[in-house]
Amino acid sequence: MNVNYLNNRQTALLFFDMLNVYYHGAPEETKKRMKPAVDNAVRLMNTARQNGILVAYAMANHRPDGESRSMIVTDTDIGPTASAIRRFMARRKARGSKRSSRKLRRARMIT
């Protein structure tokens, strides 16, 4: 396989987690920090379209009650991240989520 060659008919550019709300809803300071990444994404998108490459956008579609989401806890989830996970799971448990108690127990295992 030649890694320096792209077959435009078998190639796609996938944008994942590039939501307008992250940029347009952000404070000006954050927009300044994000601008280089946004500009590069636009360049990639325009180049792909000019060359007949499919441009695709991932779209999360979760249930309103949050039960279709999955929190993955790994051995790297320590410190502030671990406490954020515990707070999130505690809020889910308070709302009455059936799955949250199991996930809360898993989150507690990492501290």
C-alpha atoms as a PDB file:
ATOM      1  CA  MET A   1       0.000   0.000   0.000  1.00  0.00           C
ATOM      2  CA  ASN A   2       1.356   3.410  -0.974  1.00  0.00           C
ATOM      3  CA  VAL A   3       0.721   5.726   1.982  1.00  0.00           C
ATOM      4  CA  ASN A   4       1.433   8.794  -0.182  1.00  0.00           C
ATOM      5  CA  TYR A   5      -1.511   8.091  -2.489  1.00  0.00           C
ATOM      6  CA  LEU A   6      -5.220   8.504  -1.778  1.00  0.00           C
ATOM      7  CA  ASN A   7      -7.838   6.919  -3.983  1.00  0.00           C
ATOM      8  CA  ASN A   8     -10.506   9.629  -3.965  1.00  0.00           C
ATOM      9  CA  ARG A   9     -13.254   7.084  -4.597  1.00  0.00           C
ATOM     10  CA  GLN A  10     -12.279   5.006  -1.568  1.00  0.00           C
ATOM     11  CA  THR A  11     -11.407   7.851   0.799  1.00  0.00           C
ATOM     12  CA  ALA A  12     -13.534   9.933   3.135  1.00  0.00           C
ATOM     13  CA  LEU A  13     -12.844  12.830   5.465  1.00  0.00           C
ATOM     14  CA  LEU A  14     -14.681  12.309   8.744  1.00  0.00           C
ATOM     15  CA  PHE A  15     -15.332  15.242  11.058  1.00  0.00           C
ATOM     16  CA  PHE A  16     -15.949  14.057  14.589  1.00  0.00           C
ATOM     17  CA  ASP A  17     -16.930  16.312  17.485  1.00  0.00           C
ATOM     18  CA  MET A  18     -16.649  19.493  15.394  1.00  0.00           C
ATOM     19  CA  LEU A  19     -19.894  21.161  16.418  1.00  0.00           C
ATOM     20  CA  ASN A  20     -20.768  24.756  15.534  1.00  0.00           C
ATOM     21  CA  VAL A  21     -21.997  25.336  19.080  1.00  0.00           C
ATOM     22  CA  TYR A  22     -18.488  24.708  20.435  1.00  0.00           C
ATOM     23  CA  TYR A  23     -17.187  27.647  18.400  1.00  0.00           C
ATOM     24  CA  HIS A  24     -20.087  30.032  17.852  1.00  0.00           C
ATOM     25  CA  GLY A  25     -21.327  29.695  21.424  1.00  0.00           C
ATOM     26  CA  ALA A  26     -17.880  30.229  22.936  1.00  0.00           C
ATOM     27  CA  PRO A  27     -16.456  33.384  24.514  1.00  0.00           C
ATOM     28  CA  GLU A  28     -14.172  35.503  22.295  1.00  0.00           C
ATOM     29  CA  GLU A  29     -11.019  34.340  24.125  1.00  0.00           C
ATOM     30  CA  THR A  30     -11.898  30.713  23.418  1.00  0.00           C
ATOM     31  CA  LYS A  31     -12.695  31.511  19.773  1.00  0.00           C
ATOM     32  CA  LYS A  32      -9.228  33.042  19.342  1.00  0.00           C
ATOM     33  CA  ARG A  33      -7.663  29.874  20.732  1.00  0.00           C
ATOM     34  CA  MET A  34      -9.826  27.620  18.538  1.00  0.00           C
ATOM     35  CA  LYS A  35      -9.488  29.637  15.316  1.00  0.00           C
ATOM     36  CA  PRO A  36      -6.368  27.837  13.961  1.00  0.00           C
ATOM     37  CA  ALA A  37      -8.070  24.434  14.371  1.00  0.00           C
ATOM     38  CA  VAL A  38     -11.278  25.703  12.749  1.00  0.00           C
ATOM     39  CA  ASP A  39      -9.336  27.262   9.856  1.00  0.00           C
ATOM     40  CA  ASN A  40      -7.459  23.993   9.282  1.00  0.00           C
ATOM     41  CA  ALA A  41     -10.699  22.006   9.354  1.00  0.00           C
ATOM     42  CA  VAL A  42     -12.204  24.346   6.744  1.00  0.00           C
ATOM     43  CA  ARG A  43      -9.086  23.962   4.557  1.00  0.00           C
ATOM     44  CA  LEU A  44      -9.328  20.173   4.814  1.00  0.00           C
ATOM     45  CA  MET A  45     -13.039  20.208   4.001  1.00  0.00           C
ATOM     46  CA  ASN A  46     -12.618  22.496   0.977  1.00  0.00           C
ATOM     47  CA  THR A  47      -9.681  20.477  -0.363  1.00  0.00           C
ATOM     48  CA  ALA A  48     -11.606  17.218   0.047  1.00  0.00           C
ATOM     49  CA  ARG A  49     -14.623  18.614  -1.783  1.00  0.00           C
ATOM     50  CA  GLN A  50     -12.470  20.024  -4.600  1.00  0.00           C
ATOM     51  CA  ASN A  51     -10.947  16.570  -5.078  1.00  0.00           C
ATOM     52  CA  GLY A  52     -14.193  14.613  -4.985  1.00  0.00           C
ATOM     53  CA  ILE A  53     -13.550  13.101  -1.556  1.00  0.00           C
ATOM     54  CA  LEU A  54     -16.613  12.318   0.540  1.00  0.00           C
ATOM     55  CA  VAL A  55     -16.954  14.611   3.568  1.00  0.00           C
ATOM     56  CA  ALA A  56     -18.831  12.984   6.456  1.00  0.00           C
ATOM     57  CA  TYR A  57     -19.898  14.268   9.853  1.00  0.00           C
ATOM     58  CA  ALA A  58     -20.373  12.040  12.890  1.00  0.00           C
ATOM     59  CA  MET A  59     -23.593  12.775  14.755  1.00  0.00           C
ATOM     60  CA  ALA A  60     -24.266  11.655  18.290  1.00  0.00           C
ATOM     61  CA  ASN A  61     -27.890  10.757  18.838  1.00  0.00           C
ATOM     62  CA  HIS A  62     -28.496  10.064  22.497  1.00  0.00           C
ATOM     63  CA  ARG A  63     -31.702   9.438  24.373  1.00  0.00           C
ATOM     64  CA  PRO A  64     -32.911  12.402  26.456  1.00  0.00           C
ATOM     65  CA  ASP A  65     -32.530  10.396  29.670  1.00  0.00           C
ATOM     66  CA  GLY A  66     -28.844   9.723  28.918  1.00  0.00           C
ATOM     67  CA  GLU A  67     -29.231   5.939  29.051  1.00  0.00           C
ATOM     68  CA  SER A  68     -27.759   5.487  25.566  1.00  0.00           C
ATOM     69  CA  ARG A  69     -24.444   7.027  26.626  1.00  0.00           C
ATOM     70  CA  SER A  70     -21.555   5.011  27.939  1.00  0.00           C
ATOM     71  CA  MET A  71     -18.984   6.234  30.425  1.00  0.00           C
ATOM     72  CA  ILE A  72     -15.761   4.289  30.046  1.00  0.00           C
ATOM     73  CA  VAL A  73     -13.534   4.361  33.096  1.00  0.00           C
ATOM     74  CA  THR A  74      -9.895   3.398  32.570  1.00  0.00           C
ATOM     75  CA  ASP A  75      -6.769   3.302  34.689  1.00  0.00           C
ATOM     76  CA  THR A  76      -5.869   6.763  33.388  1.00  0.00           C
ATOM     77  CA  ASP A  77      -8.963   8.311  35.000  1.00  0.00           C
ATOM     78  CA  ILE A  78      -7.340   9.605  38.164  1.00  0.00           C
ATOM     79  CA  GLY A  79      -7.218  12.903  39.994  1.00  0.00           C
ATOM     80  CA  PRO A  80      -9.673  15.627  38.919  1.00  0.00           C
ATOM     81  CA  THR A  81     -11.110  13.460  36.146  1.00  0.00           C
ATOM     82  CA  ALA A  82     -12.006  10.714  38.593  1.00  0.00           C
ATOM     83  CA  SER A  83     -13.846  13.095  40.886  1.00  0.00           C
ATOM     84  CA  ALA A  84     -15.684  14.582  37.900  1.00  0.00           C
ATOM     85  CA  ILE A  85     -16.814  11.064  36.931  1.00  0.00           C
ATOM     86  CA  ARG A  86     -18.019  10.394  40.473  1.00  0.00           C
ATOM     87  CA  ARG A  87     -20.008  13.661  40.531  1.00  0.00           C
ATOM     88  CA  PHE A  88     -21.555  12.846  37.141  1.00  0.00           C
ATOM     89  CA  MET A  89     -22.512   9.362  38.262  1.00  0.00           C
ATOM     90  CA  ALA A  90     -23.950  10.655  41.530  1.00  0.00           C
ATOM     91  CA  ARG A  91     -26.170  13.077  39.593  1.00  0.00           C
ATOM     92  CA  ARG A  92     -27.359  10.219  37.365  1.00  0.00           C
ATOM     93  CA  LYS A  93     -28.091   8.106  40.422  1.00  0.00           C
ATOM     94  CA  ALA A  94     -30.082  10.958  41.971  1.00  0.00           C
ATOM     95  CA  ARG A  95     -32.194  11.118  38.777  1.00  0.00           C
ATOM     96  CA  GLY A  96     -33.020   7.447  39.194  1.00  0.00           C
ATOM     97  CA  SER A  97     -30.923   5.931  36.418  1.00  0.00           C
ATOM     98  CA  LYS A  98     -30.905   2.124  36.709  1.00  0.00           C
ATOM     99  CA  ARG A  99     -27.429   1.785  35.220  1.00  0.00           C
ATOM    100  CA  SER A 100     -25.782   4.586  37.184  1.00  0.00           C
ATOM    101  CA  SER A 101     -25.233   2.679  40.440  1.00  0.00           C
ATOM    102  CA  ARG A 102     -23.163   0.039  38.654  1.00  0.00           C
ATOM    103  CA  LYS A 103     -21.142   2.737  36.897  1.00  0.00           C
ATOM    104  CA  LEU A 104     -20.743   4.664  40.123  1.00  0.00           C
ATOM    105  CA  ARG A 105     -19.279   1.553  41.772  1.00  0.00           C
ATOM    106  CA  ARG A 106     -16.855   1.212  38.833  1.00  0.00           C
ATOM    107  CA  ALA A 107     -15.892   4.887  39.116  1.00  0.00           C
ATOM    108  CA  ARG A 108     -15.224   4.472  42.841  1.00  0.00           C
ATOM    109  CA  MET A 109     -12.804   1.629  42.103  1.00  0.00           C
ATOM    110  CA  ILE A 110     -10.357   4.020  40.466  1.00  0.00           C
ATOM    111  CA  THR A 111      -9.696   6.124  43.563  1.00  0.00           C
END
